[in-house]
N, C-alpha and C. Protein backbone atom coordinates (compact mmCIF):
# COMPACT_ATOMS: atom_id res chain seq x y z
N UNK A 1 -10.54 -9.88 18.97
CA UNK A 1 -10.23 -9.70 17.69
C UNK A 1 -8.79 -9.87 17.16
N UNK A 2 -8.57 -10.66 15.92
CA UNK A 2 -7.27 -11.04 15.55
C UNK A 2 -6.76 -9.61 15.06
N UNK A 3 -5.77 -9.34 15.42
CA UNK A 3 -4.87 -8.31 14.47
C UNK A 3 -3.65 -9.06 13.86
N UNK A 4 -3.56 -8.46 12.67
CA UNK A 4 -2.53 -9.01 11.61
C UNK A 4 -1.15 -8.11 11.88
N UNK A 5 -0.09 -8.89 11.61
CA UNK A 5 1.24 -8.31 11.33
C UNK A 5 1.12 -7.82 10.15
N UNK A 6 1.76 -6.28 9.99
CA UNK A 6 1.77 -5.89 8.83
C UNK A 6 3.12 -5.65 8.37
N UNK A 7 3.60 -6.26 7.04
CA UNK A 7 5.35 -5.96 6.87
C UNK A 7 5.44 -5.13 5.53
N UNK A 8 6.08 -3.94 5.77
CA UNK A 8 6.67 -3.44 4.21
C UNK A 8 7.70 -4.17 3.65
N UNK A 9 7.35 -4.66 2.44
CA UNK A 9 8.77 -5.26 1.93
C UNK A 9 9.74 -4.03 1.21
N UNK A 10 11.02 -4.51 1.02
CA UNK A 10 11.94 -3.46 0.61
C UNK A 10 11.24 -2.61 -0.40
N UNK A 11 10.76 -3.34 -1.65
CA UNK A 11 10.38 -2.31 -2.87
C UNK A 11 9.18 -1.47 -2.42
N UNK A 12 8.28 -1.86 -1.35
CA UNK A 12 7.21 -0.99 -1.03
C UNK A 12 7.85 0.27 -0.45
N UNK A 13 8.85 0.04 0.26
CA UNK A 13 9.61 1.02 1.43
C UNK A 13 10.28 2.23 0.31
N UNK A 14 10.65 1.43 -0.96
CA UNK A 14 11.49 2.31 -1.66
C UNK A 14 10.51 3.07 -2.32
N UNK A 15 9.29 2.57 -2.45
CA UNK A 15 8.43 3.23 -3.39
C UNK A 15 7.87 4.47 -2.88
N UNK A 16 7.51 4.33 -1.29
CA UNK A 16 7.14 5.19 -0.43
C UNK A 16 7.86 6.42 -0.37
N UNK A 17 9.23 5.85 -0.38
CA UNK A 17 10.31 6.99 0.12
C UNK A 17 10.50 7.80 -1.52
N UNK A 18 10.51 7.12 -3.00
CA UNK A 18 10.34 7.72 -3.98
C UNK A 18 9.23 8.73 -4.24
N UNK A 19 8.02 8.38 -3.84
CA UNK A 19 6.53 9.03 -3.85
C UNK A 19 7.23 10.57 -2.74
N UNK A 20 7.39 10.18 -1.86
CA UNK A 20 7.58 11.32 -0.79
C UNK A 20 8.72 12.19 -1.39
N UNK A 21 9.54 11.67 -1.92
CA UNK A 21 10.59 12.60 -2.79
C UNK A 21 10.17 13.47 -3.68
N UNK A 22 9.58 12.63 -4.43
CA UNK A 22 8.46 13.36 -5.65
C UNK A 22 7.62 14.47 -5.16
N UNK A 23 6.75 13.95 -4.07
CA UNK A 23 5.59 15.14 -3.50
C UNK A 23 6.30 16.46 -3.02
N UNK A 24 7.13 16.09 -2.17
CA UNK A 24 8.05 17.29 -1.53
C UNK A 24 8.64 18.33 -2.54
N UNK A 25 8.69 18.03 -3.83
CA UNK A 25 8.82 19.23 -4.87
C UNK A 25 7.82 20.10 -4.70
N UNK A 26 6.74 19.99 -4.40
CA UNK A 26 5.64 21.07 -4.80
C UNK A 26 5.28 21.62 -3.51
N UNK A 27 3.93 21.49 -2.93
CA UNK A 27 3.41 22.57 -1.56
C UNK A 27 4.12 21.79 -0.33
N UNK A 28 4.14 22.43 0.44
CA UNK A 28 4.58 22.08 1.85
C UNK A 28 3.63 21.40 2.40
N UNK A 29 4.26 20.18 3.11
CA UNK A 29 3.28 19.13 3.91
C UNK A 29 2.45 18.07 2.86
N UNK A 30 2.54 18.32 1.74
CA UNK A 30 1.97 17.38 0.65
C UNK A 30 2.52 15.96 0.97
N UNK A 31 4.10 15.54 1.33
CA UNK A 31 4.43 14.45 1.33
C UNK A 31 4.09 13.95 2.88
N UNK A 32 3.53 14.95 3.85
CA UNK A 32 3.28 14.45 5.05
C UNK A 32 2.00 14.12 5.29
N UNK A 33 0.97 14.69 4.04
CA UNK A 33 -0.58 14.73 4.25
C UNK A 33 -0.37 12.95 3.75
N UNK A 34 0.31 12.87 2.49
CA UNK A 34 0.30 11.20 1.96
C UNK A 34 0.46 10.15 2.86
N UNK A 35 1.82 10.69 3.81
CA UNK A 35 2.31 9.97 4.94
C UNK A 35 1.16 9.41 6.22
N UNK A 36 0.61 10.36 6.46
CA UNK A 36 -0.67 10.45 7.49
C UNK A 36 -1.93 9.17 6.91
N UNK A 37 -2.01 9.62 5.49
CA UNK A 37 -3.19 8.97 4.82
C UNK A 37 -2.67 7.34 4.87
N UNK A 38 -1.44 6.96 4.44
CA UNK A 38 -0.95 5.82 4.29
C UNK A 38 -0.97 5.34 5.37
N UNK A 39 -0.38 5.68 6.47
CA UNK A 39 -0.34 5.15 7.80
C UNK A 39 -1.69 4.98 8.40
N UNK A 40 -2.85 5.94 8.38
CA UNK A 40 -4.14 5.26 8.82
C UNK A 40 -4.54 4.06 7.70
N UNK A 41 -4.71 3.98 6.47
CA UNK A 41 -4.69 3.23 5.82
C UNK A 41 -4.37 1.56 6.14
N UNK A 42 -2.75 1.54 6.37
CA UNK A 42 -2.63 0.31 6.84
C UNK A 42 -2.42 0.08 8.35
N UNK A 43 -2.97 0.92 9.26
CA UNK A 43 -3.13 0.57 10.30
C UNK A 43 -4.39 -0.30 10.47
N UNK A 44 -5.42 0.16 9.40
CA UNK A 44 -6.90 -0.06 9.15
C UNK A 44 -6.53 -1.56 8.86
N UNK A 45 -5.72 -2.00 7.87
CA UNK A 45 -5.50 -3.18 7.57
C UNK A 45 -5.28 -4.22 8.56
N UNK A 46 -4.32 -3.85 9.50
CA UNK A 46 -3.90 -4.95 10.58
C UNK A 46 -5.25 -5.34 11.02
N UNK A 47 -6.24 -4.36 11.31
CA UNK A 47 -7.69 -4.74 11.92
C UNK A 47 -8.44 -5.75 11.07
N UNK A 48 -8.40 -5.21 9.67
CA UNK A 48 -9.39 -5.94 8.83
C UNK A 48 -8.76 -5.92 7.42
N UNK A 49 -7.84 -7.06 7.11
CA UNK A 49 -7.38 -7.18 6.44
C UNK A 49 -8.05 -7.04 4.68
N UNK A 50 -9.10 -7.86 4.91
CA UNK A 50 -10.19 -7.81 3.90
C UNK A 50 -10.79 -6.51 3.53
N UNK A 51 -10.61 -5.43 4.01
CA UNK A 51 -11.57 -4.16 4.18
C UNK A 51 -11.36 -3.64 2.52
N UNK A 52 -10.24 -4.02 1.61
CA UNK A 52 -10.17 -3.76 0.39
C UNK A 52 -10.31 -5.05 -0.53
N UNK A 53 -10.77 -4.90 -1.64
CA UNK A 53 -11.17 -6.02 -2.68
C UNK A 53 -9.70 -6.65 -2.95
N UNK A 54 -10.01 -7.63 -3.75
CA UNK A 54 -8.76 -8.07 -4.54
C UNK A 54 -8.72 -7.36 -5.72
N UNK A 55 -7.49 -7.37 -6.17
CA UNK A 55 -7.09 -6.94 -7.33
C UNK A 55 -7.65 -7.40 -8.43
N UNK A 56 -8.69 -6.90 -9.39
CA UNK A 56 -9.33 -7.57 -10.47
C UNK A 56 -8.26 -8.13 -11.50
N UNK A 57 -7.14 -7.34 -11.57
CA UNK A 57 -6.41 -8.34 -12.62
C UNK A 57 -5.63 -9.26 -12.15
N UNK A 58 -5.17 -9.38 -10.94
CA UNK A 58 -4.25 -10.13 -10.05
C UNK A 58 -5.01 -10.67 -9.02
N UNK A 59 -5.64 -11.22 -8.61
CA UNK A 59 -6.45 -11.80 -7.44
C UNK A 59 -5.46 -12.04 -6.49
N UNK A 60 -4.07 -12.60 -6.60
CA UNK A 60 -3.15 -12.98 -5.51
C UNK A 60 -2.77 -11.69 -4.63
N UNK A 61 -3.18 -10.43 -5.28
CA UNK A 61 -3.27 -9.06 -4.32
C UNK A 61 -4.38 -8.47 -3.94
N UNK A 62 -4.50 -7.87 -3.03
CA UNK A 62 -5.25 -7.09 -2.93
C UNK A 62 -5.05 -5.31 -3.07
N UNK A 63 -6.16 -4.75 -3.23
CA UNK A 63 -5.42 -2.98 -3.67
C UNK A 63 -6.06 -2.18 -2.72
N UNK A 64 -5.15 -1.48 -1.83
CA UNK A 64 -6.08 -0.06 -0.98
C UNK A 64 -5.66 0.86 -1.92
N UNK A 65 -6.62 1.98 -2.16
CA UNK A 65 -6.37 3.00 -2.72
C UNK A 65 -6.01 4.27 -1.66
N UNK A 66 -5.10 5.16 -1.84
CA UNK A 66 -4.63 5.93 -0.81
C UNK A 66 -4.12 7.23 -1.44
N UNK A 67 -5.26 8.03 -1.80
CA UNK A 67 -5.02 9.47 -2.54
C UNK A 67 -4.87 8.76 -4.05
N UNK A 68 -4.14 9.10 -4.76
CA UNK A 68 -3.58 9.07 -6.10
C UNK A 68 -3.00 7.66 -6.52
N UNK A 69 -2.21 6.84 -5.49
CA UNK A 69 -1.59 5.61 -5.14
C UNK A 69 -2.52 4.41 -4.51
N UNK A 70 -1.86 3.65 -5.14
CA UNK A 70 -2.54 2.01 -4.69
C UNK A 70 -1.39 1.39 -4.44
N UNK A 71 -1.80 0.69 -3.23
CA UNK A 71 -1.08 -0.06 -2.48
C UNK A 71 -1.70 -1.53 -2.56
N UNK A 72 -0.61 -2.48 -3.01
CA UNK A 72 -0.86 -3.88 -3.24
C UNK A 72 -0.04 -4.58 -2.10
N UNK A 73 -0.91 -5.31 -1.50
CA UNK A 73 -0.61 -6.37 -0.36
C UNK A 73 -1.12 -7.63 -0.62
N UNK A 74 -0.65 -8.58 -0.06
CA UNK A 74 -1.12 -10.16 -0.02
C UNK A 74 -1.55 -10.10 1.70
N UNK A 75 -2.38 -11.00 1.58
CA UNK A 75 -3.09 -11.54 3.46
C UNK A 75 -2.48 -13.07 3.29
N UNK A 76 -1.73 -13.24 4.55
CA UNK A 76 -1.31 -14.69 4.62
C UNK A 76 -2.38 -15.07 5.92
N UNK A 77 -3.53 -15.78 5.68
CA UNK A 77 -4.25 -16.20 6.62
C UNK A 77 -3.79 -17.14 7.83
N UNK A 78 -3.06 -17.87 7.37
CA UNK A 78 -2.77 -18.77 8.41
C UNK A 78 -1.62 -18.39 9.37
N UNK A 79 -0.78 -17.26 9.13
CA UNK A 79 0.44 -16.80 9.76
C UNK A 79 0.05 -15.37 10.33
N UNK A 80 -1.30 -15.25 9.98
CA UNK A 80 -2.03 -13.71 10.39
C UNK A 80 -0.98 -12.53 9.86
N UNK A 81 -0.71 -12.65 9.13
CA UNK A 81 0.11 -11.83 8.27
C UNK A 81 -0.41 -10.92 6.95
N UNK A 82 0.33 -9.56 6.87
CA UNK A 82 -0.03 -9.22 5.71
C UNK A 82 1.27 -8.43 4.80
N UNK A 83 1.70 -8.31 3.83
CA UNK A 83 2.91 -8.24 3.09
C UNK A 83 2.48 -7.16 2.29
N UNK A 84 3.05 -5.80 2.35
CA UNK A 84 3.13 -4.91 1.53
C UNK A 84 3.85 -4.96 0.11
N UNK A 85 3.42 -4.98 -1.01
CA UNK A 85 4.61 -5.56 -1.95
C UNK A 85 4.75 -4.30 -2.77
N UNK A 86 3.88 -3.27 -3.34
CA UNK A 86 4.42 -2.13 -3.99
C UNK A 86 3.10 -1.01 -3.48
N UNK A 87 3.66 0.11 -3.69
CA UNK A 87 2.93 1.33 -3.84
C UNK A 87 3.31 2.18 -4.82
N UNK A 88 2.37 2.18 -5.66
CA UNK A 88 2.45 2.60 -7.30
C UNK A 88 1.22 3.79 -7.57
N UNK A 89 1.79 4.73 -8.34
CA UNK A 89 0.61 5.84 -8.67
C UNK A 89 -0.25 4.95 -9.46
N UNK A 90 -1.86 5.76 -9.40
CA UNK A 90 -2.82 4.70 -10.05
C UNK A 90 -2.69 4.97 -11.58
N UNK A 91 -1.68 5.88 -12.05
CA UNK A 91 -1.76 5.73 -13.78
C UNK A 91 -0.27 5.22 -14.38
N UNK A 92 0.17 4.66 -13.26
CA UNK A 92 1.39 3.56 -14.05
C UNK A 92 1.22 2.39 -14.49
N UNK A 93 1.96 1.48 -15.10
CA UNK A 93 1.43 0.64 -15.88
C UNK A 93 1.71 -0.29 -14.79
N UNK A 94 0.51 -0.77 -13.76
CA UNK A 94 0.41 -1.57 -12.88
C UNK A 94 1.20 -2.97 -13.12
N UNK A 95 0.43 -3.77 -14.24
CA UNK A 95 0.63 -4.90 -14.63
C UNK A 95 2.35 -5.19 -14.70
N UNK A 96 2.99 -4.17 -15.39
CA UNK A 96 4.56 -4.52 -15.32
C UNK A 96 5.19 -4.31 -13.91
N UNK A 97 4.67 -3.74 -13.18
CA UNK A 97 5.62 -3.40 -11.68
C UNK A 97 4.87 -4.38 -10.88
N UNK A 98 3.77 -5.10 -11.18
CA UNK A 98 3.38 -6.61 -10.17
C UNK A 98 4.31 -7.50 -10.79
N UNK A 99 4.99 -7.40 -11.72
CA UNK A 99 5.53 -9.11 -12.17
C UNK A 99 6.30 -9.76 -10.76
């Protein structure tokens, strides 16, 4: 089985940091549960990057759903790589952030 290399781009890492900062204002452990769910989802991508469908509004991205958040990534088949571009709340103006 081919394992893909996964890389979080700077903007996605900043998104995750902001999400955790926001979630930590509420219930203890909320940010940790989000990070656990995100890690599980990203680990699955390295084994099967096509497990999530292409994003219907911009087919260059695939979209994974992790709790209330959407993980936007691209698959580079020739180099066996996955790049995570953004992690956004599902109610945000997605098209604006994917420019």
